[in-house]
C-alpha atoms as a PDB file:
ATOM      1  CA  UNK A   1    -152.147-116.455 123.034  1.00  0.00           C
ATOM      2  CA  UNK A   2    -148.814-116.159 124.591  1.00  0.00           C
ATOM      3  CA  UNK A   3    -146.327-118.275 121.462  1.00  0.00           C
ATOM      4  CA  UNK A   4    -144.978-120.081 124.672  1.00  0.00           C
ATOM      5  CA  UNK A   5    -148.196-122.408 124.953  1.00  0.00           C
ATOM      6  CA  UNK A   6    -149.105-121.583 121.193  1.00  0.00           C
ATOM      7  CA  UNK A   7    -145.836-123.674 119.881  1.00  0.00           C
ATOM      8  CA  UNK A   8    -146.716-126.404 122.715  1.00  0.00           C
ATOM      9  CA  UNK A   9    -149.717-127.070 121.545  1.00  0.00           C
ATOM     10  CA  UNK A  10    -149.065-127.098 118.153  1.00  0.00           C
ATOM     11  CA  UNK A  11    -146.453-129.517 118.410  1.00  0.00           C
ATOM     12  CA  UNK A  12    -148.568-131.603 120.336  1.00  0.00           C
ATOM     13  CA  UNK A  13    -150.986-131.447 117.897  1.00  0.00           C
ATOM     14  CA  UNK A  14    -148.045-132.515 115.237  1.00  0.00           C
ATOM     15  CA  UNK A  15    -147.339-135.122 118.074  1.00  0.00           C
ATOM     16  CA  UNK A  16    -150.830-136.839 117.876  1.00  0.00           C
ATOM     17  CA  UNK A  17    -151.246-136.406 113.974  1.00  0.00           C
ATOM     18  CA  UNK A  18    -147.991-139.069 113.450  1.00  0.00           C
ATOM     19  CA  UNK A  19    -150.171-141.828 114.558  1.00  0.00           C
ATOM     20  CA  UNK A  20    -147.302-144.038 115.839  1.00  0.00           C
ATOM     21  CA  UNK A  21    -145.188-143.409 112.871  1.00  0.00           C
ATOM     22  CA  UNK A  22    -141.956-141.994 112.978  1.00  0.00           C
ATOM     23  CA  UNK A  23    -141.622-138.323 113.055  1.00  0.00           C
ATOM     24  CA  UNK A  24    -138.880-135.350 113.684  1.00  0.00           C
ATOM     25  CA  UNK A  25    -140.032-132.230 115.593  1.00  0.00           C
ATOM     26  CA  UNK A  26    -137.589-129.160 115.685  1.00  0.00           C
ATOM     27  CA  UNK A  27    -139.407-127.068 118.220  1.00  0.00           C
ATOM     28  CA  UNK A  28    -137.571-123.632 119.003  1.00  0.00           C
ATOM     29  CA  UNK A  29    -139.419-121.715 122.025  1.00  0.00           C
ATOM     30  CA  UNK A  30    -138.933-117.903 121.209  1.00  0.00           C
ATOM     31  CA  UNK A  31    -138.408-117.850 125.552  1.00  0.00           C
ATOM     32  CA  UNK A  32    -136.555-116.833 127.028  1.00  0.00           C
ATOM     33  CA  UNK A  33    -135.172-114.190 125.059  1.00  0.00           C
ATOM     34  CA  UNK A  34    -136.487-110.369 124.523  1.00  0.00           C
ATOM     35  CA  UNK A  35    -139.047-109.069 124.101  1.00  0.00           C
ATOM     36  CA  UNK A  36    -138.886-109.508 127.802  1.00  0.00           C
ATOM     37  CA  UNK A  37    -142.894-110.790 128.332  1.00  0.00           C
ATOM     38  CA  UNK A  38    -144.030-113.228 130.432  1.00  0.00           C
ATOM     39  CA  UNK A  39    -148.198-113.881 131.743  1.00  0.00           C
ATOM     40  CA  UNK A  40    -149.426-112.349 134.371  1.00  0.00           C
ATOM     41  CA  UNK A  41    -149.624-115.514 136.498  1.00  0.00           C
ATOM     42  CA  UNK A  42    -146.220-116.541 135.580  1.00  0.00           C
ATOM     43  CA  UNK A  43    -144.521-113.486 137.322  1.00  0.00           C
ATOM     44  CA  UNK A  44    -147.118-113.696 140.405  1.00  0.00           C
ATOM     45  CA  UNK A  45    -145.269-117.449 141.133  1.00  0.00           C
ATOM     46  CA  UNK A  46    -142.108-115.256 141.786  1.00  0.00           C
ATOM     47  CA  UNK A  47    -143.554-111.979 143.583  1.00  0.00           C
ATOM     48  CA  UNK A  48    -140.417-112.658 146.336  1.00  0.00           C
ATOM     49  CA  UNK A  49    -137.730-111.373 142.715  1.00  0.00           C
ATOM     50  CA  UNK A  50    -137.664-107.992 143.632  1.00  0.00           C
ATOM     51  CA  UNK A  51    -136.005-107.377 140.253  1.00  0.00           C
ATOM     52  CA  UNK A  52    -138.582-106.893 138.125  1.00  0.00           C
ATOM     53  CA  UNK A  53    -136.347-108.286 134.724  1.00  0.00           C
ATOM     54  CA  UNK A  54    -135.121-111.191 136.659  1.00  0.00           C
ATOM     55  CA  UNK A  55    -138.341-111.925 137.937  1.00  0.00           C
ATOM     56  CA  UNK A  56    -139.901-111.889 134.297  1.00  0.00           C
ATOM     57  CA  UNK A  57    -136.706-113.865 133.414  1.00  0.00           C
ATOM     58  CA  UNK A  58    -137.859-116.844 135.499  1.00  0.00           C
ATOM     59  CA  UNK A  59    -141.893-116.083 134.607  1.00  0.00           C
ATOM     60  CA  UNK A  60    -140.790-117.329 130.496  1.00  0.00           C
ATOM     61  CA  UNK A  61    -138.454-120.039 132.015  1.00  0.00           C
ATOM     62  CA  UNK A  62    -141.737-121.462 134.186  1.00  0.00           C
ATOM     63  CA  UNK A  63    -143.859-120.730 131.251  1.00  0.00           C
ATOM     64  CA  UNK A  64    -140.716-122.830 128.660  1.00  0.00           C
ATOM     65  CA  UNK A  65    -140.659-125.662 131.518  1.00  0.00           C
ATOM     66  CA  UNK A  66    -144.634-126.118 131.921  1.00  0.00           C
ATOM     67  CA  UNK A  67    -144.635-126.185 127.802  1.00  0.00           C
ATOM     68  CA  UNK A  68    -142.182-128.818 127.506  1.00  0.00           C
ATOM     69  CA  UNK A  69    -143.855-131.224 129.952  1.00  0.00           C
ATOM     70  CA  UNK A  70    -147.143-130.906 127.625  1.00  0.00           C
ATOM     71  CA  UNK A  71    -145.236-132.244 124.924  1.00  0.00           C
ATOM     72  CA  UNK A  72    -143.694-134.823 127.127  1.00  0.00           C
ATOM     73  CA  UNK A  73    -146.727-135.552 128.127  1.00  0.00           C
ATOM     74  CA  UNK A  74    -147.903-136.607 124.934  1.00  0.00           C
ATOM     75  CA  UNK A  75    -145.400-138.786 123.584  1.00  0.00           C
ATOM     76  CA  UNK A  76    -146.214-140.784 126.558  1.00  0.00           C
ATOM     77  CA  UNK A  77    -150.163-140.900 125.782  1.00  0.00           C
ATOM     78  CA  UNK A  78    -149.377-142.006 122.406  1.00  0.00           C
ATOM     79  CA  UNK A  79    -146.690-144.570 123.422  1.00  0.00           C
ATOM     80  CA  UNK A  80    -143.772-142.596 122.458  1.00  0.00           C
ATOM     81  CA  UNK A  81    -142.000-141.598 125.320  1.00  0.00           C
ATOM     82  CA  UNK A  82    -139.760-144.722 125.553  1.00  0.00           C
ATOM     83  CA  UNK A  83    -138.670-144.806 122.149  1.00  0.00           C
ATOM     84  CA  UNK A  84    -138.209-141.230 121.074  1.00  0.00           C
ATOM     85  CA  UNK A  85    -135.145-139.596 121.114  1.00  0.00           C
ATOM     86  CA  UNK A  86    -135.596-135.796 122.877  1.00  0.00           C
ATOM     87  CA  UNK A  87    -133.118-133.419 123.045  1.00  0.00           C
ATOM     88  CA  UNK A  88    -133.039-130.155 125.360  1.00  0.00           C
ATOM     89  CA  UNK A  89    -130.022-127.496 124.224  1.00  0.00           C
ATOM     90  CA  UNK A  90    -129.866-123.617 123.833  1.00  0.00           C
ATOM     91  CA  UNK A  91    -128.188-121.537 120.663  1.00  0.00           C
ATOM     92  CA  UNK A  92    -126.340-119.500 122.568  1.00  0.00           C
ATOM     93  CA  UNK A  93    -125.055-117.912 126.548  1.00  0.00           C
ATOM     94  CA  UNK A  94    -127.513-115.656 128.084  1.00  0.00           C
ATOM     95  CA  UNK A  95    -127.993-112.370 126.821  1.00  0.00           C
ATOM     96  CA  UNK A  96    -127.186-109.369 129.399  1.00  0.00           C
ATOM     97  CA  UNK A  97    -128.175-106.431 127.547  1.00  0.00           C
ATOM     98  CA  UNK A  98    -131.905-106.555 127.126  1.00  0.00           C
ATOM     99  CA  UNK A  99    -132.171-109.742 128.949  1.00  0.00           C
ATOM    100  CA  UNK A 100    -130.159-109.558 132.192  1.00  0.00           C
ATOM    101  CA  UNK A 101    -128.933-113.003 131.946  1.00  0.00           C
ATOM    102  CA  UNK A 102    -126.437-113.816 134.400  1.00  0.00           C
ATOM    103  CA  UNK A 103    -123.467-116.793 133.419  1.00  0.00           C
ATOM    104  CA  UNK A 104    -121.713-116.891 136.006  1.00  0.00           C
ATOM    105  CA  UNK A 105    -119.547-118.871 136.920  1.00  0.00           C
ATOM    106  CA  UNK A 106    -118.660-118.568 133.483  1.00  0.00           C
ATOM    107  CA  UNK A 107    -117.296-115.009 131.864  1.00  0.00           C
ATOM    108  CA  UNK A 108    -118.983-113.549 128.682  1.00  0.00           C
ATOM    109  CA  UNK A 109    -122.427-112.942 127.341  1.00  0.00           C
ATOM    110  CA  UNK A 110    -124.036-113.807 123.756  1.00  0.00           C
ATOM    111  CA  UNK A 111    -122.237-112.726 120.835  1.00  0.00           C
ATOM    112  CA  UNK A 112    -118.928-113.258 122.580  1.00  0.00           C
ATOM    113  CA  UNK A 113    -116.551-116.214 122.337  1.00  0.00           C
ATOM    114  CA  UNK A 114    -116.131-116.915 125.952  1.00  0.00           C
ATOM    115  CA  UNK A 115    -117.492-119.740 127.837  1.00  0.00           C
ATOM    116  CA  UNK A 116    -120.344-117.470 128.895  1.00  0.00           C
ATOM    117  CA  UNK A 117    -121.354-117.001 124.777  1.00  0.00           C
ATOM    118  CA  UNK A 118    -121.166-120.361 123.791  1.00  0.00           C
ATOM    119  CA  UNK A 119    -121.369-123.278 126.583  1.00  0.00           C
ATOM    120  CA  UNK A 120    -124.924-124.581 126.638  1.00  0.00           C
ATOM    121  CA  UNK A 121    -126.684-127.262 128.532  1.00  0.00           C
ATOM    122  CA  UNK A 122    -126.999-130.318 126.005  1.00  0.00           C
ATOM    123  CA  UNK A 123    -129.823-132.889 127.729  1.00  0.00           C
ATOM    124  CA  UNK A 124    -130.385-136.374 125.556  1.00  0.00           C
ATOM    125  CA  UNK A 125    -133.120-138.510 126.842  1.00  0.00           C
ATOM    126  CA  UNK A 126    -133.042-141.287 125.826  1.00  0.00           C
ATOM    127  CA  UNK A 127    -134.538-143.943 127.964  1.00  0.00           C
ATOM    128  CA  UNK A 128    -134.187-147.789 126.439  1.00  0.00           C
ATOM    129  CA  UNK A 129    -130.733-147.026 124.350  1.00  0.00           C
ATOM    130  CA  UNK A 130    -127.778-147.631 124.975  1.00  0.00           C
ATOM    131  CA  UNK A 131    -126.495-144.341 126.415  1.00  0.00           C
ATOM    132  CA  UNK A 132    -129.304-144.035 129.025  1.00  0.00           C
ATOM    133  CA  UNK A 133    -128.000-143.115 132.312  1.00  0.00           C
ATOM    134  CA  UNK A 134    -124.587-141.968 131.000  1.00  0.00           C
ATOM    135  CA  UNK A 135    -122.978-138.645 131.463  1.00  0.00           C
ATOM    136  CA  UNK A 136    -120.338-136.995 129.886  1.00  0.00           C
ATOM    137  CA  UNK A 137    -118.094-134.670 130.133  1.00  0.00           C
ATOM    138  CA  UNK A 138    -115.859-134.657 127.101  1.00  0.00           C
ATOM    139  CA  UNK A 139    -116.667-131.389 124.911  1.00  0.00           C
ATOM    140  CA  UNK A 140    -119.373-132.034 122.666  1.00  0.00           C
ATOM    141  CA  UNK A 141    -121.170-129.201 119.281  1.00  0.00           C
ATOM    142  CA  UNK A 142    -124.789-129.476 118.384  1.00  0.00           C
ATOM    143  CA  UNK A 143    -123.277-130.844 114.821  1.00  0.00           C
ATOM    144  CA  UNK A 144    -123.167-134.042 116.942  1.00  0.00           C
ATOM    145  CA  UNK A 145    -126.798-134.344 116.590  1.00  0.00           C
ATOM    146  CA  UNK A 146    -127.664-135.448 113.534  1.00  0.00           C
ATOM    147  CA  UNK A 147    -124.857-138.020 113.301  1.00  0.00           C
ATOM    148  CA  UNK A 148    -126.548-139.267 116.670  1.00  0.00           C
ATOM    149  CA  UNK A 149    -129.845-139.557 115.059  1.00  0.00           C
ATOM    150  CA  UNK A 150    -128.822-141.054 112.284  1.00  0.00           C
ATOM    151  CA  UNK A 151    -127.512-143.867 113.873  1.00  0.00           C
ATOM    152  CA  UNK A 152    -130.029-144.536 116.005  1.00  0.00           C
ATOM    153  CA  UNK A 153    -132.292-144.416 113.122  1.00  0.00           C
ATOM    154  CA  UNK A 154    -130.700-147.531 111.517  1.00  0.00           C
ATOM    155  CA  UNK A 155    -129.103-144.700 108.571  1.00  0.00           C
ATOM    156  CA  UNK A 156    -126.343-144.521 107.338  1.00  0.00           C
ATOM    157  CA  UNK A 157    -123.385-141.433 108.342  1.00  0.00           C
ATOM    158  CA  UNK A 158    -122.339-139.747 105.527  1.00  0.00           C
ATOM    159  CA  UNK A 159    -118.230-139.197 105.865  1.00  0.00           C
ATOM    160  CA  UNK A 160    -117.926-135.803 105.012  1.00  0.00           C
ATOM    161  CA  UNK A 161    -120.342-134.801 108.514  1.00  0.00           C
ATOM    162  CA  UNK A 162    -118.398-132.697 111.182  1.00  0.00           C
ATOM    163  CA  UNK A 163    -120.403-133.944 114.100  1.00  0.00           C
ATOM    164  CA  UNK A 164    -119.610-137.519 115.608  1.00  0.00           C
ATOM    165  CA  UNK A 165    -121.757-139.487 117.333  1.00  0.00           C
ATOM    166  CA  UNK A 166    -122.768-139.055 120.760  1.00  0.00           C
ATOM    167  CA  UNK A 167    -122.251-141.758 122.895  1.00  0.00           C
ATOM    168  CA  UNK A 168    -119.102-143.364 121.526  1.00  0.00           C
ATOM    169  CA  UNK A 169    -115.419-143.557 122.168  1.00  0.00           C
ATOM    170  CA  UNK A 170    -114.318-139.998 121.703  1.00  0.00           C
ATOM    171  CA  UNK A 171    -110.730-141.104 120.973  1.00  0.00           C
ATOM    172  CA  UNK A 172    -108.009-138.119 120.782  1.00  0.00           C
ATOM    173  CA  UNK A 173    -109.191-135.090 121.533  1.00  0.00           C
ATOM    174  CA  UNK A 174    -110.639-133.227 118.190  1.00  0.00           C
ATOM    175  CA  UNK A 175    -110.204-130.182 117.512  1.00  0.00           C
ATOM    176  CA  UNK A 176    -113.714-127.538 118.046  1.00  0.00           C
ATOM    177  CA  UNK A 177    -113.170-123.980 116.338  1.00  0.00           C
ATOM    178  CA  UNK A 178    -115.167-120.904 116.124  1.00  0.00           C
ATOM    179  CA  UNK A 179    -115.527-117.852 114.160  1.00  0.00           C
ATOM    180  CA  UNK A 180    -117.737-114.570 114.808  1.00  0.00           C
ATOM    181  CA  UNK A 181    -116.599-111.447 112.689  1.00  0.00           C
ATOM    182  CA  UNK A 182    -112.926-110.671 113.244  1.00  0.00           C
ATOM    183  CA  UNK A 183    -113.117-112.543 116.362  1.00  0.00           C
ATOM    184  CA  UNK A 184    -112.141-116.903 116.411  1.00  0.00           C
ATOM    185  CA  UNK A 185    -111.317-119.387 119.593  1.00  0.00           C
ATOM    186  CA  UNK A 186    -110.598-122.852 119.178  1.00  0.00           C
ATOM    187  CA  UNK A 187    -110.421-125.300 121.946  1.00  0.00           C
ATOM    188  CA  UNK A 188    -108.404-128.680 122.190  1.00  0.00           C
ATOM    189  CA  UNK A 189    -108.749-130.403 124.894  1.00  0.00           C
ATOM    190  CA  UNK A 190    -109.282-128.685 128.040  1.00  0.00           C
ATOM    191  CA  UNK A 191    -106.792-125.760 126.037  1.00  0.00           C
ATOM    192  CA  UNK A 192    -108.388-122.850 124.916  1.00  0.00           C
ATOM    193  CA  UNK A 193    -107.694-120.086 122.245  1.00  0.00           C
ATOM    194  CA  UNK A 194    -109.357-116.606 121.754  1.00  0.00           C
ATOM    195  CA  UNK A 195    -108.428-114.627 119.082  1.00  0.00           C
ATOM    196  CA  UNK A 196    -109.750-110.831 119.385  1.00  0.00           C
ATOM    197  CA  UNK A 197    -108.681-107.977 116.996  1.00  0.00           C
ATOM    198  CA  UNK A 198    -107.874-105.947 119.293  1.00  0.00           C
ATOM    199  CA  UNK A 199    -105.393-107.605 122.108  1.00  0.00           C
ATOM    200  CA  UNK A 200    -102.856-109.861 121.652  1.00  0.00           C
ATOM    201  CA  UNK A 201    -104.893-113.786 121.517  1.00  0.00           C
ATOM    202  CA  UNK A 202    -105.711-115.706 124.920  1.00  0.00           C
ATOM    203  CA  UNK A 203    -105.017-118.887 126.300  1.00  0.00           C
ATOM    204  CA  UNK A 204    -106.876-120.939 128.990  1.00  0.00           C
ATOM    205  CA  UNK A 205    -106.958-124.161 130.401  1.00  0.00           C
ATOM    206  CA  UNK A 206    -110.786-124.812 131.090  1.00  0.00           C
ATOM    207  CA  UNK A 207    -110.025-128.123 133.265  1.00  0.00           C
ATOM    208  CA  UNK A 208    -108.506-125.763 135.821  1.00  0.00           C
ATOM    209  CA  UNK A 209    -110.547-122.163 135.094  1.00  0.00           C
ATOM    210  CA  UNK A 210    -114.013-122.456 133.465  1.00  0.00           C
ATOM    211  CA  UNK A 211    -114.449-118.625 134.146  1.00  0.00           C
ATOM    212  CA  UNK A 212    -111.156-117.510 131.658  1.00  0.00           C
ATOM    213  CA  UNK A 213    -109.964-115.864 134.196  1.00  0.00           C
ATOM    214  CA  UNK A 214    -106.285-116.928 134.070  1.00  0.00           C
ATOM    215  CA  UNK A 215    -104.337-115.986 130.741  1.00  0.00           C
ATOM    216  CA  UNK A 216    -101.250-118.417 130.009  1.00  0.00           C
ATOM    217  CA  UNK A 217    -100.841-117.162 126.451  1.00  0.00           C
ATOM    218  CA  UNK A 218     -96.881-115.793 128.336  1.00  0.00           C
ATOM    219  CA  UNK A 219     -96.317-119.263 130.272  1.00  0.00           C
ATOM    220  CA  UNK A 220     -97.478-121.506 126.826  1.00  0.00           C
ATOM    221  CA  UNK A 221     -95.611-119.936 124.246  1.00  0.00           C
ATOM    222  CA  UNK A 222     -95.334-122.524 122.132  1.00  0.00           C
ATOM    223  CA  UNK A 223     -99.132-124.592 122.910  1.00  0.00           C
ATOM    224  CA  UNK A 224    -100.383-120.903 121.699  1.00  0.00           C
ATOM    225  CA  UNK A 225     -98.481-120.617 118.326  1.00  0.00           C
ATOM    226  CA  UNK A 226     -99.798-124.457 117.667  1.00  0.00           C
ATOM    227  CA  UNK A 227    -102.672-123.454 118.385  1.00  0.00           C
ATOM    228  CA  UNK A 228    -102.447-120.488 116.438  1.00  0.00           C
ATOM    229  CA  UNK A 229    -101.536-122.236 113.219  1.00  0.00           C
ATOM    230  CA  UNK A 230    -104.558-124.312 112.795  1.00  0.00           C
ATOM    231  CA  UNK A 231    -107.009-121.825 113.198  1.00  0.00           C
ATOM    232  CA  UNK A 232    -105.301-119.927 110.586  1.00  0.00           C
ATOM    233  CA  UNK A 233    -105.561-123.337 108.790  1.00  0.00           C
ATOM    234  CA  UNK A 234    -109.219-123.717 109.740  1.00  0.00           C
ATOM    235  CA  UNK A 235    -110.250-120.741 109.083  1.00  0.00           C
ATOM    236  CA  UNK A 236    -108.677-120.484 104.936  1.00  0.00           C
ATOM    237  CA  UNK A 237    -110.578-123.296 104.316  1.00  0.00           C
ATOM    238  CA  UNK A 238    -113.674-120.805 104.724  1.00  0.00           C
ATOM    239  CA  UNK A 239    -115.482-118.275 102.722  1.00  0.00           C
ATOM    240  CA  UNK A 240    -115.158-114.899 104.199  1.00  0.00           C
ATOM    241  CA  UNK A 241    -118.374-114.179 105.992  1.00  0.00           C
ATOM    242  CA  UNK A 242    -121.300-111.658 104.485  1.00  0.00           C
ATOM    243  CA  UNK A 243    -122.796-111.061 107.507  1.00  0.00           C
ATOM    244  CA  UNK A 244    -121.421-109.480 110.628  1.00  0.00           C
ATOM    245  CA  UNK A 245    -118.376-108.066 108.885  1.00  0.00           C
ATOM    246  CA  UNK A 246    -116.781-104.137 108.420  1.00  0.00           C
ATOM    247  CA  UNK A 247    -116.269-101.372 111.450  1.00  0.00           C
ATOM    248  CA  UNK A 248    -119.456-101.543 112.890  1.00  0.00           C
ATOM    249  CA  UNK A 249    -119.163-105.033 113.555  1.00  0.00           C
ATOM    250  CA  UNK A 250    -115.460-104.957 115.241  1.00  0.00           C
ATOM    251  CA  UNK A 251    -116.318-101.711 117.216  1.00  0.00           C
ATOM    252  CA  UNK A 252    -118.758-104.380 118.513  1.00  0.00           C
ATOM    253  CA  UNK A 253    -116.828-106.826 119.033  1.00  0.00           C
ATOM    254  CA  UNK A 254    -114.430-104.678 120.773  1.00  0.00           C
ATOM    255  CA  UNK A 255    -116.984-103.433 123.414  1.00  0.00           C
ATOM    256  CA  UNK A 256    -117.963-106.954 124.579  1.00  0.00           C
ATOM    257  CA  UNK A 257    -115.013-107.779 125.482  1.00  0.00           C
ATOM    258  CA  UNK A 258    -114.210-104.455 127.184  1.00  0.00           C
END
């Protein structure tokens, strides 16, 4: 069977088996992702798209949307649609290589720390909760999902979690950090720092330039140095990565940014 439909059917079965009791369901669809495979009937819906790879990508996205609908329908049938927190998100930006994804107007692709590689959708459905109907613009992280779920379930949130509860006052802009082999990035408020293995660091104001097209590093040397110090301090708390290291991956990082 087509795996996207198979995963949806299994998720529905799990919801039915819960019998109205609290449950946690982690549903990680493989589509849209390589290998690029779509049902012929789904591809036929997008016949006007002439590029076969883009047509297949559209069909796979349609299949995922249909599968999500089956899961929400199951929640409604079993009385859980109004008291179940549903979160839709993704792990990284689209990959141009093999997937032909397009992340415009964001720059970059999967495997980079540009916005096109790390900025993803995050849609939260909580119809009867205190956050219902809100649209938030401040940066959030997938690390925020765990403390949010704990609060809504009435549980205590451990002090050692890195995430914050979604929907609560953000206060001062917290820094967010990324590390990928020899590349690293930091975001503080609207400002984003990028550090590379083969070129000077770059600095962007995402509130004015979400596509990261205007490097402001030379115009903001004080801010650049301060953020570099924070980034290196954060990296000092990490264990040395045991994967994606060495000459091959450093060359691969350079290739993706060139």
